[in-house]
Amino acid sequence: MLDYIALFLVFFVFIVIFYGIIVVHDIPYEIAVHRGHPHQDAIHVAGWISLFTLGAIWPFLWIWATLYKPGIGWGMLNKETGADSGSGDQLQIEIAELQKQVAVLNERQAQLDKGEK
């Protein structure tokens, strides 16, 4: 009778460990689904691939899944303006300011070149 109980325990422990590993490797995918991550499918596939690589890429999947936040995106929020630093309007303003600075520097350089001649 004890032989059957031991055999049952061996199978039970094997099945629990097997499914436990699968559940743990699916955690990044569950995080991605919860946050509405745009790369959910890629994270899910990479999680399955991670099973075959003995979990070598699993920590990177966790990081990838947690970087995206609902409402904020990739966390590139400008704390001063409250605007996304990748927004087109903000970039256009910054480009215009930089072009003005370059024009001023070119004008100063031209004046210095005239003074040397």
N, C-alpha and C. Protein backbone atom coordinates (compact mmCIF):
# COMPACT_ATOMS: atom_id res chain seq x y z
N MET A 1 0.81 -1.20 0.00
CA MET A 1 0.00 0.00 0.00
C MET A 1 0.86 1.27 0.00
N LEU A 2 1.93 1.29 0.76
CA LEU A 2 2.81 2.45 0.80
C LEU A 2 3.48 2.70 -0.54
N ASP A 3 3.68 1.61 -1.31
CA ASP A 3 4.27 1.77 -2.64
C ASP A 3 3.37 2.62 -3.54
N TYR A 4 2.08 2.38 -3.47
CA TYR A 4 1.13 3.15 -4.29
C TYR A 4 1.05 4.61 -3.84
N ILE A 5 1.10 4.83 -2.55
CA ILE A 5 1.08 6.20 -2.03
C ILE A 5 2.34 6.93 -2.49
N ALA A 6 3.49 6.28 -2.41
CA ALA A 6 4.75 6.89 -2.84
C ALA A 6 4.72 7.18 -4.34
N LEU A 7 4.17 6.23 -5.13
CA LEU A 7 4.07 6.44 -6.57
C LEU A 7 3.14 7.62 -6.88
N PHE A 8 2.02 7.70 -6.15
CA PHE A 8 1.11 8.82 -6.33
C PHE A 8 1.80 10.14 -6.00
N LEU A 9 2.54 10.19 -4.90
CA LEU A 9 3.25 11.40 -4.51
C LEU A 9 4.30 11.80 -5.54
N VAL A 10 5.01 10.84 -6.11
CA VAL A 10 6.01 11.14 -7.13
C VAL A 10 5.34 11.79 -8.34
N PHE A 11 4.24 11.19 -8.81
CA PHE A 11 3.53 11.76 -9.96
C PHE A 11 2.94 13.13 -9.62
N PHE A 12 2.36 13.24 -8.42
CA PHE A 12 1.75 14.50 -8.01
C PHE A 12 2.79 15.62 -7.96
N VAL A 13 3.93 15.35 -7.35
CA VAL A 13 5.00 16.35 -7.26
C VAL A 13 5.52 16.70 -8.64
N PHE A 14 5.69 15.73 -9.51
CA PHE A 14 6.16 15.98 -10.87
C PHE A 14 5.19 16.88 -11.62
N ILE A 15 3.89 16.59 -11.53
CA ILE A 15 2.88 17.39 -12.22
C ILE A 15 2.83 18.81 -11.65
N VAL A 16 2.89 18.96 -10.34
CA VAL A 16 2.85 20.29 -9.72
C VAL A 16 4.07 21.11 -10.14
N ILE A 17 5.24 20.51 -10.14
CA ILE A 17 6.45 21.23 -10.56
C ILE A 17 6.37 21.60 -12.04
N PHE A 18 5.90 20.69 -12.87
CA PHE A 18 5.77 20.94 -14.31
C PHE A 18 4.86 22.14 -14.57
N TYR A 19 3.66 22.12 -14.00
CA TYR A 19 2.73 23.22 -14.21
C TYR A 19 3.18 24.49 -13.49
N GLY A 20 3.86 24.34 -12.38
CA GLY A 20 4.39 25.51 -11.67
C GLY A 20 5.41 26.26 -12.50
N ILE A 21 6.27 25.54 -13.19
CA ILE A 21 7.26 26.17 -14.07
C ILE A 21 6.57 26.92 -15.20
N ILE A 22 5.54 26.31 -15.76
CA ILE A 22 4.81 26.97 -16.85
C ILE A 22 4.12 28.24 -16.35
N VAL A 23 3.51 28.18 -15.18
CA VAL A 23 2.83 29.35 -14.62
C VAL A 23 3.83 30.46 -14.33
N VAL A 24 4.98 30.12 -13.77
CA VAL A 24 5.99 31.14 -13.46
C VAL A 24 6.51 31.78 -14.74
N HIS A 25 6.69 31.00 -15.79
CA HIS A 25 7.19 31.56 -17.04
C HIS A 25 6.13 32.40 -17.76
N ASP A 26 4.88 32.29 -17.36
CA ASP A 26 3.81 33.09 -17.96
C ASP A 26 3.55 34.39 -17.21
N ILE A 27 4.24 34.64 -16.12
CA ILE A 27 4.02 35.86 -15.35
C ILE A 27 4.26 37.12 -16.17
N PRO A 28 5.36 37.24 -16.95
CA PRO A 28 5.52 38.46 -17.75
C PRO A 28 4.37 38.69 -18.73
N TYR A 29 3.85 37.61 -19.31
CA TYR A 29 2.71 37.75 -20.23
C TYR A 29 1.49 38.26 -19.48
N GLU A 30 1.25 37.76 -18.30
CA GLU A 30 0.10 38.21 -17.51
C GLU A 30 0.24 39.67 -17.13
N ILE A 31 1.46 40.10 -16.81
CA ILE A 31 1.70 41.51 -16.52
C ILE A 31 1.40 42.34 -17.77
N ALA A 32 1.87 41.86 -18.93
CA ALA A 32 1.65 42.59 -20.18
C ALA A 32 0.16 42.71 -20.50
N VAL A 33 -0.59 41.65 -20.28
CA VAL A 33 -2.04 41.69 -20.54
C VAL A 33 -2.70 42.68 -19.59
N HIS A 34 -2.32 42.64 -18.33
CA HIS A 34 -2.92 43.53 -17.33
C HIS A 34 -2.64 45.00 -17.66
N ARG A 35 -1.48 45.30 -18.19
CA ARG A 35 -1.11 46.69 -18.49
C ARG A 35 -1.49 47.11 -19.90
N GLY A 36 -2.01 46.21 -20.70
CA GLY A 36 -2.38 46.55 -22.08
C GLY A 36 -1.15 46.80 -22.94
N HIS A 37 -0.13 46.03 -22.71
CA HIS A 37 1.16 46.18 -23.42
C HIS A 37 0.97 45.94 -24.91
N PRO A 38 1.57 46.79 -25.77
CA PRO A 38 1.39 46.60 -27.21
C PRO A 38 2.12 45.37 -27.77
N HIS A 39 3.03 44.77 -26.99
CA HIS A 39 3.78 43.60 -27.47
C HIS A 39 3.42 42.33 -26.70
N GLN A 40 2.17 42.20 -26.33
CA GLN A 40 1.72 41.05 -25.53
C GLN A 40 2.06 39.73 -26.19
N ASP A 41 1.77 39.62 -27.48
CA ASP A 41 2.00 38.35 -28.17
C ASP A 41 3.47 38.00 -28.22
N ALA A 42 4.32 39.01 -28.46
CA ALA A 42 5.76 38.75 -28.50
C ALA A 42 6.27 38.29 -27.14
N ILE A 43 5.77 38.90 -26.07
CA ILE A 43 6.18 38.50 -24.73
C ILE A 43 5.71 37.09 -24.43
N HIS A 44 4.51 36.75 -24.89
CA HIS A 44 3.99 35.40 -24.66
C HIS A 44 4.83 34.35 -25.38
N VAL A 45 5.14 34.60 -26.63
CA VAL A 45 5.98 33.65 -27.40
C VAL A 45 7.37 33.56 -26.79
N ALA A 46 7.94 34.70 -26.41
CA ALA A 46 9.27 34.68 -25.81
C ALA A 46 9.25 33.94 -24.47
N GLY A 47 8.13 33.99 -23.76
CA GLY A 47 8.01 33.23 -22.52
C GLY A 47 8.08 31.74 -22.77
N TRP A 48 7.44 31.27 -23.84
CA TRP A 48 7.52 29.85 -24.18
C TRP A 48 8.93 29.48 -24.65
N ILE A 49 9.55 30.37 -25.39
CA ILE A 49 10.93 30.11 -25.81
C ILE A 49 11.84 30.07 -24.59
N SER A 50 11.54 30.89 -23.60
CA SER A 50 12.32 30.91 -22.37
C SER A 50 12.28 29.56 -21.66
N LEU A 51 11.18 28.83 -21.80
CA LEU A 51 11.13 27.48 -21.22
C LEU A 51 12.20 26.58 -21.81
N PHE A 52 12.44 26.75 -23.11
CA PHE A 52 13.43 25.89 -23.78
C PHE A 52 14.86 26.38 -23.58
N THR A 53 15.01 27.64 -23.17
CA THR A 53 16.36 28.16 -22.90
C THR A 53 16.65 28.12 -21.40
N LEU A 54 15.86 27.35 -20.67
CA LEU A 54 16.01 27.18 -19.22
C LEU A 54 15.90 28.51 -18.46
N GLY A 55 15.06 29.39 -18.97
CA GLY A 55 14.78 30.64 -18.28
C GLY A 55 15.83 31.72 -18.44
N ALA A 56 16.72 31.57 -19.41
CA ALA A 56 17.80 32.54 -19.57
C ALA A 56 17.28 33.93 -19.93
N ILE A 57 16.21 34.01 -20.72
CA ILE A 57 15.71 35.32 -21.14
C ILE A 57 14.52 35.78 -20.30
N TRP A 58 14.10 34.98 -19.33
CA TRP A 58 12.92 35.29 -18.55
C TRP A 58 13.04 36.61 -17.79
N PRO A 59 14.16 36.93 -17.15
CA PRO A 59 14.24 38.23 -16.45
C PRO A 59 14.07 39.43 -17.40
N PHE A 60 14.57 39.29 -18.62
CA PHE A 60 14.42 40.38 -19.59
C PHE A 60 12.95 40.53 -20.02
N LEU A 61 12.23 39.42 -20.07
CA LEU A 61 10.81 39.49 -20.38
C LEU A 61 10.05 40.21 -19.28
N TRP A 62 10.42 39.95 -18.04
CA TRP A 62 9.79 40.61 -16.90
C TRP A 62 10.02 42.12 -17.01
N ILE A 63 11.24 42.53 -17.30
CA ILE A 63 11.56 43.96 -17.44
C ILE A 63 10.78 44.55 -18.60
N TRP A 64 10.75 43.85 -19.73
CA TRP A 64 10.05 44.32 -20.93
C TRP A 64 8.56 44.53 -20.62
N ALA A 65 7.98 43.59 -19.90
CA ALA A 65 6.55 43.67 -19.59
C ALA A 65 6.24 44.79 -18.61
N THR A 66 7.15 45.07 -17.68
CA THR A 66 6.86 46.07 -16.66
C THR A 66 7.22 47.49 -17.09
N LEU A 67 7.97 47.66 -18.17
CA LEU A 67 8.33 49.01 -18.62
C LEU A 67 7.12 49.79 -19.12
N TYR A 68 6.18 49.12 -19.73
CA TYR A 68 5.01 49.79 -20.29
C TYR A 68 3.97 49.99 -19.19
N LYS A 69 3.47 51.23 -19.08
CA LYS A 69 2.47 51.53 -18.06
C LYS A 69 1.24 52.12 -18.72
N PRO A 70 0.05 51.70 -18.31
CA PRO A 70 -1.17 52.25 -18.89
C PRO A 70 -1.27 53.75 -18.63
N GLY A 71 -1.64 54.49 -19.66
CA GLY A 71 -1.80 55.92 -19.52
C GLY A 71 -0.52 56.71 -19.71
N ILE A 72 0.61 56.09 -19.43
CA ILE A 72 1.90 56.77 -19.57
C ILE A 72 2.65 56.24 -20.77
N GLY A 73 2.49 54.97 -21.06
CA GLY A 73 3.23 54.35 -22.16
C GLY A 73 4.54 53.80 -21.65
N TRP A 74 5.60 54.21 -22.27
CA TRP A 74 6.92 53.67 -21.93
C TRP A 74 7.60 54.44 -20.82
N GLY A 75 6.90 55.36 -20.17
CA GLY A 75 7.46 56.06 -19.03
C GLY A 75 8.33 57.23 -19.41
N MET A 76 8.10 57.79 -20.59
CA MET A 76 8.90 58.91 -21.06
C MET A 76 8.14 60.22 -20.84
N LEU A 77 7.53 60.37 -19.71
CA LEU A 77 6.74 61.55 -19.41
C LEU A 77 7.65 62.66 -18.92
N ASN A 78 7.52 63.83 -19.52
CA ASN A 78 8.31 64.99 -19.13
C ASN A 78 7.71 65.54 -17.84
N LYS A 79 8.45 65.54 -16.76
CA LYS A 79 7.92 65.94 -15.46
C LYS A 79 7.63 67.44 -15.40
N GLU A 80 8.34 68.25 -16.18
CA GLU A 80 8.12 69.70 -16.13
C GLU A 80 6.82 70.09 -16.83
N THR A 81 6.62 69.57 -18.04
CA THR A 81 5.46 69.99 -18.82
C THR A 81 4.29 69.02 -18.70
N GLY A 82 4.56 67.80 -18.25
CA GLY A 82 3.51 66.80 -18.18
C GLY A 82 3.19 66.20 -19.53
N ALA A 83 3.98 66.55 -20.54
CA ALA A 83 3.74 66.05 -21.89
C ALA A 83 4.71 64.92 -22.19
N ASP A 84 4.32 64.08 -23.08
CA ASP A 84 5.18 63.00 -23.54
C ASP A 84 6.36 63.61 -24.28
N SER A 85 7.59 63.22 -23.88
CA SER A 85 8.77 63.82 -24.51
C SER A 85 8.90 63.41 -25.97
N GLY A 86 8.17 62.40 -26.38
CA GLY A 86 8.23 61.97 -27.77
C GLY A 86 7.15 62.60 -28.62
N SER A 87 6.37 63.56 -28.08
CA SER A 87 5.29 64.16 -28.85
C SER A 87 5.85 65.02 -29.96
N GLY A 88 5.17 65.06 -31.08
CA GLY A 88 5.63 65.77 -32.26
C GLY A 88 5.73 67.27 -32.05
N ASP A 89 4.74 67.87 -31.36
CA ASP A 89 4.75 69.31 -31.15
C ASP A 89 5.95 69.74 -30.32
N GLN A 90 6.20 69.02 -29.24
CA GLN A 90 7.33 69.35 -28.38
C GLN A 90 8.64 69.21 -29.13
N LEU A 91 8.77 68.18 -29.93
CA LEU A 91 10.00 67.99 -30.71
C LEU A 91 10.19 69.11 -31.72
N GLN A 92 9.12 69.54 -32.36
CA GLN A 92 9.21 70.63 -33.33
C GLN A 92 9.67 71.92 -32.66
N ILE A 93 9.18 72.19 -31.48
CA ILE A 93 9.58 73.39 -30.73
C ILE A 93 11.07 73.32 -30.39
N GLU A 94 11.50 72.15 -29.91
CA GLU A 94 12.91 71.98 -29.55
C GLU A 94 13.81 72.10 -30.77
N ILE A 95 13.39 71.56 -31.90
CA ILE A 95 14.17 71.66 -33.14
C ILE A 95 14.29 73.12 -33.58
N ALA A 96 13.18 73.86 -33.49
CA ALA A 96 13.21 75.28 -33.88
C ALA A 96 14.16 76.07 -32.98
N GLU A 97 14.14 75.79 -31.69
CA GLU A 97 15.05 76.48 -30.76
C GLU A 97 16.51 76.14 -31.08
N LEU A 98 16.78 74.90 -31.36
CA LEU A 98 18.15 74.50 -31.70
C LEU A 98 18.61 75.14 -33.00
N GLN A 99 17.70 75.25 -33.98
CA GLN A 99 18.06 75.89 -35.24
C GLN A 99 18.39 77.37 -35.03
N LYS A 100 17.65 78.03 -34.13
CA LYS A 100 17.95 79.43 -33.81
C LYS A 100 19.33 79.55 -33.18
N GLN A 101 19.64 78.64 -32.27
CA GLN A 101 20.96 78.67 -31.62
C GLN A 101 22.08 78.43 -32.63
N VAL A 102 21.87 77.52 -33.55
CA VAL A 102 22.89 77.25 -34.58
C VAL A 102 23.06 78.48 -35.47
N ALA A 103 21.98 79.14 -35.81
CA ALA A 103 22.07 80.35 -36.64
C ALA A 103 22.86 81.44 -35.92
N VAL A 104 22.61 81.63 -34.64
CA VAL A 104 23.35 82.62 -33.85
C VAL A 104 24.83 82.28 -33.81
N LEU A 105 25.14 81.01 -33.58
CA LEU A 105 26.55 80.58 -33.53
C LEU A 105 27.24 80.75 -34.88
N ASN A 106 26.52 80.47 -35.96
CA ASN A 106 27.10 80.65 -37.30
C ASN A 106 27.36 82.13 -37.57
N GLU A 107 26.45 82.99 -37.11
CA GLU A 107 26.63 84.43 -37.30
C GLU A 107 27.85 84.92 -36.51
N ARG A 108 28.00 84.45 -35.29
CA ARG A 108 29.17 84.84 -34.48
C ARG A 108 30.47 84.34 -35.13
N GLN A 109 30.43 83.13 -35.65
CA GLN A 109 31.62 82.59 -36.31
C GLN A 109 31.98 83.41 -37.55
N ALA A 110 30.96 83.84 -38.30
CA ALA A 110 31.20 84.66 -39.48
C ALA A 110 31.81 86.01 -39.08
N GLN A 111 31.34 86.59 -37.98
CA GLN A 111 31.91 87.86 -37.52
C GLN A 111 33.35 87.69 -37.08
N LEU A 112 33.64 86.57 -36.42
CA LEU A 112 35.02 86.30 -35.99
C LEU A 112 35.93 86.09 -37.20
N ASP A 113 35.40 85.40 -38.21
CA ASP A 113 36.20 85.19 -39.43
C ASP A 113 36.50 86.50 -40.13
N LYS A 114 35.55 87.46 -40.15
CA LYS A 114 35.77 88.76 -40.77
C LYS A 114 36.81 89.56 -39.99
N GLY A 115 36.79 89.44 -38.68
CA GLY A 115 37.72 90.16 -37.84
C GLY A 115 39.15 89.66 -38.00
N GLU A 116 39.36 88.41 -38.33
CA GLU A 116 40.69 87.83 -38.50
C GLU A 116 41.31 88.23 -39.81
N LYS A 117 40.52 88.52 -40.83
CA LYS A 117 41.04 88.84 -42.17
C LYS A 117 41.52 90.22 -42.29
